[in-house]
Amino acid sequence: MTANPSVKRLKTSAAKAVARAATAKRQVRLAKAQLKQARKEFKAAKKAAKQARREVHAAGSARPPRPAAKLKLKPAIRKASSAPKSVRAPKTAQPKRAVKKAVPRRVAKASAPKVPQMRSAAEVAKTVIDRLHAPPPVLPAPIIPPDAKPVSGDSTPGNS
């Protein structure tokens, strides 16, 4: 018994489709592997760049230490007849500086009244929580006049 030609065609096309699916699957796996490798390289390059930035920043912010200021000591000169005096450099006449004119400061312009900005939801929530955790407000004690009669529930006018 010979197979129908249309069945043969269907079988061959099914086999070709299976082969195409297998090659597509291999290509997807290959692309995933390449992507994974590219991600690894990207992370390594990013880490190296971050490290280089840190080194540059550290090198730029580190200043060379200043040499310590040297104290200049003058030899003490003592005269036998007088008490010791402090040694000072003689004052030299300094040229007078030109007096600057006083420039009046600018008067600040009256700015428009500021419109209160909208508070963020976080700020509102914080104030609400603070109010909930705060103790209740202390109310003033009621003031009762001295001539007021006490009110009792039993004695009502007309119920004798």
Protein backbone atom coordinates (compact mmCIF):
# COMPACT_ATOMS: atom_id res chain seq x y z
CA MET A 1 0.00 0.00 0.00
CA THR A 2 1.43 3.34 -1.05
CA ALA A 3 0.99 6.51 0.98
CA ASN A 4 -1.13 9.29 -0.27
CA PRO A 5 0.94 12.14 -1.78
CA SER A 6 -0.73 14.77 0.44
CA VAL A 7 0.16 12.76 3.56
CA LYS A 8 3.77 12.57 2.38
CA ARG A 9 3.80 16.34 1.89
CA LEU A 10 2.37 16.92 5.37
CA LYS A 11 4.94 14.60 6.97
CA THR A 12 7.85 16.31 5.23
CA SER A 13 6.56 19.77 6.14
CA ALA A 14 6.14 18.63 9.77
CA ALA A 15 9.71 17.33 9.82
CA LYS A 16 10.96 20.62 8.35
CA ALA A 17 8.99 22.58 10.98
CA VAL A 18 10.53 20.47 13.77
CA ALA A 19 13.98 21.14 12.34
CA ARG A 20 13.28 24.90 12.09
CA ALA A 21 12.00 24.93 15.70
CA ALA A 22 15.14 23.13 16.88
CA THR A 23 17.43 25.62 15.08
CA ALA A 24 15.41 28.56 16.45
CA LYS A 25 15.74 27.11 19.95
CA ARG A 26 19.50 26.81 19.50
CA GLN A 27 19.70 30.39 18.26
CA VAL A 28 17.71 31.65 21.28
CA ARG A 29 20.03 29.78 23.65
CA LEU A 30 23.05 31.22 21.85
CA ALA A 31 21.61 34.75 22.04
CA LYS A 32 20.90 34.31 25.76
CA ALA A 33 24.45 33.15 26.37
CA GLN A 34 25.82 36.15 24.45
CA LEU A 35 23.56 38.50 26.43
CA LYS A 36 24.71 36.96 29.70
CA GLN A 37 28.35 37.41 28.68
CA ALA A 38 27.70 41.01 27.60
CA ARG A 39 26.05 41.73 30.98
CA LYS A 40 29.08 40.32 32.80
CA GLU A 41 31.42 42.49 30.73
CA PHE A 42 29.21 45.55 31.32
CA LYS A 43 29.21 44.98 35.09
CA ALA A 44 32.98 44.54 35.11
CA ALA A 45 33.49 47.74 33.09
CA LYS A 46 31.06 49.63 35.34
CA LYS A 47 32.86 48.43 38.46
CA ALA A 48 36.24 49.42 37.00
CA ALA A 49 34.91 52.88 36.12
CA LYS A 50 33.52 53.34 39.64
CA GLN A 51 36.84 52.32 41.16
CA ALA A 52 38.71 54.73 38.87
CA ARG A 53 36.33 57.56 39.85
CA ARG A 54 36.95 56.82 43.53
CA GLU A 55 40.70 56.86 43.00
CA VAL A 56 40.53 60.15 41.10
CA HIS A 57 38.32 61.67 43.77
CA ALA A 58 40.62 60.45 46.54
CA ALA A 59 43.69 61.77 44.72
CA GLY A 60 42.00 65.11 44.00
CA SER A 61 40.71 65.68 47.51
CA ALA A 62 43.88 64.61 49.29
CA ARG A 63 45.95 67.74 49.73
CA PRO A 64 49.62 67.53 50.48
CA PRO A 65 50.24 68.37 54.15
CA ARG A 66 51.41 71.89 54.81
CA PRO A 67 54.77 72.28 56.43
CA ALA A 68 54.46 73.33 60.05
CA ALA A 69 55.03 77.01 60.71
CA LYS A 70 58.50 77.59 62.05
CA LEU A 71 58.83 79.70 65.18
CA LYS A 72 61.33 82.47 64.88
CA LEU A 73 62.89 83.01 68.26
CA LYS A 74 64.96 86.07 68.92
CA PRO A 75 67.80 85.79 71.33
CA ALA A 76 67.01 87.33 74.69
CA ILE A 77 69.09 90.43 75.42
CA ARG A 78 69.47 91.32 79.09
CA LYS A 79 70.93 94.46 80.43
CA ALA A 80 72.39 94.31 83.87
CA SER A 81 70.99 97.67 84.93
CA SER A 82 67.36 97.42 83.83
CA ALA A 83 64.49 94.99 84.16
CA PRO A 84 63.81 92.62 81.24
CA LYS A 85 61.60 94.12 78.56
CA SER A 86 59.77 92.40 75.76
CA VAL A 87 61.43 92.73 72.40
CA ARG A 88 59.19 94.22 69.75
CA ALA A 89 59.88 95.24 66.23
CA PRO A 90 59.84 99.01 65.79
CA LYS A 91 56.69 100.33 64.17
CA THR A 92 57.14 101.62 60.68
CA ALA A 93 55.04 104.42 59.28
CA GLN A 94 52.41 102.93 57.03
CA PRO A 95 50.96 104.88 54.13
CA LYS A 96 47.46 106.13 54.70
CA ARG A 97 44.82 104.40 52.69
CA ALA A 98 42.27 106.26 50.66
CA VAL A 99 38.91 106.45 52.39
CA LYS A 100 36.22 104.64 50.47
CA LYS A 101 32.95 106.38 49.78
CA ALA A 102 29.98 104.97 51.61
CA VAL A 103 27.69 103.44 49.03
CA PRO A 104 24.06 103.30 50.15
CA ARG A 105 22.66 99.82 50.15
CA ARG A 106 19.81 98.94 47.88
CA VAL A 107 16.44 98.81 49.51
CA ALA A 108 14.88 95.37 49.27
CA LYS A 109 11.84 95.29 47.07
CA ALA A 110 8.58 94.30 48.65
CA SER A 111 7.92 90.82 47.40
CA ALA A 112 4.50 89.47 46.68
CA PRO A 113 3.01 87.46 49.55
CA LYS A 114 4.10 83.87 49.24
CA VAL A 115 1.45 81.34 48.42
CA PRO A 116 1.76 78.37 50.76
CA GLN A 117 2.94 75.37 48.80
CA MET A 118 1.11 72.09 48.83
CA ARG A 119 2.45 69.69 51.43
CA SER A 120 3.49 66.26 50.34
CA ALA A 121 1.51 63.24 51.43
CA ALA A 122 4.42 62.15 53.63
CA GLU A 123 4.38 65.45 55.53
CA VAL A 124 0.62 65.26 56.05
CA ALA A 125 0.86 61.66 57.25
CA LYS A 126 3.65 62.59 59.66
CA THR A 127 1.64 65.41 61.25
CA VAL A 128 -1.40 63.14 61.59
CA ILE A 129 0.68 60.42 63.25
CA ASP A 130 2.29 62.98 65.58
CA ARG A 131 -1.16 64.22 66.61
CA LEU A 132 -2.35 60.69 67.26
CA HIS A 133 0.66 59.91 69.46
CA ALA A 134 0.48 63.21 71.36
CA PRO A 135 -1.39 63.25 74.68
CA PRO A 136 -4.87 64.77 74.60
CA PRO A 137 -5.04 68.52 75.17
CA VAL A 138 -5.63 69.71 78.72
CA LEU A 139 -8.95 71.51 78.91
CA PRO A 140 -9.47 74.28 81.46
CA ALA A 141 -11.57 73.35 84.48
CA PRO A 142 -15.17 74.63 84.27
CA ILE A 143 -15.84 77.78 86.25
CA ILE A 144 -18.90 77.41 88.50
CA PRO A 145 -20.28 80.65 89.94
CA PRO A 146 -20.58 80.51 93.76
CA ASP A 147 -24.33 81.40 93.82
CA ALA A 148 -25.36 78.56 91.49
CA LYS A 149 -27.62 75.90 92.97
CA PRO A 150 -26.59 72.28 92.61
CA VAL A 151 -28.65 70.35 90.11
CA SER A 152 -29.96 67.02 91.31
CA GLY A 153 -31.75 64.49 89.15
CA ASP A 154 -34.46 63.64 91.77
CA SER A 155 -35.91 67.01 92.51
CA THR A 156 -37.70 68.46 89.55
CA PRO A 157 -40.17 71.27 89.85
CA GLY A 158 -43.71 70.02 90.10
CA ASN A 159 -42.88 66.45 91.23
CA SER A 160 -43.68 66.65 94.94
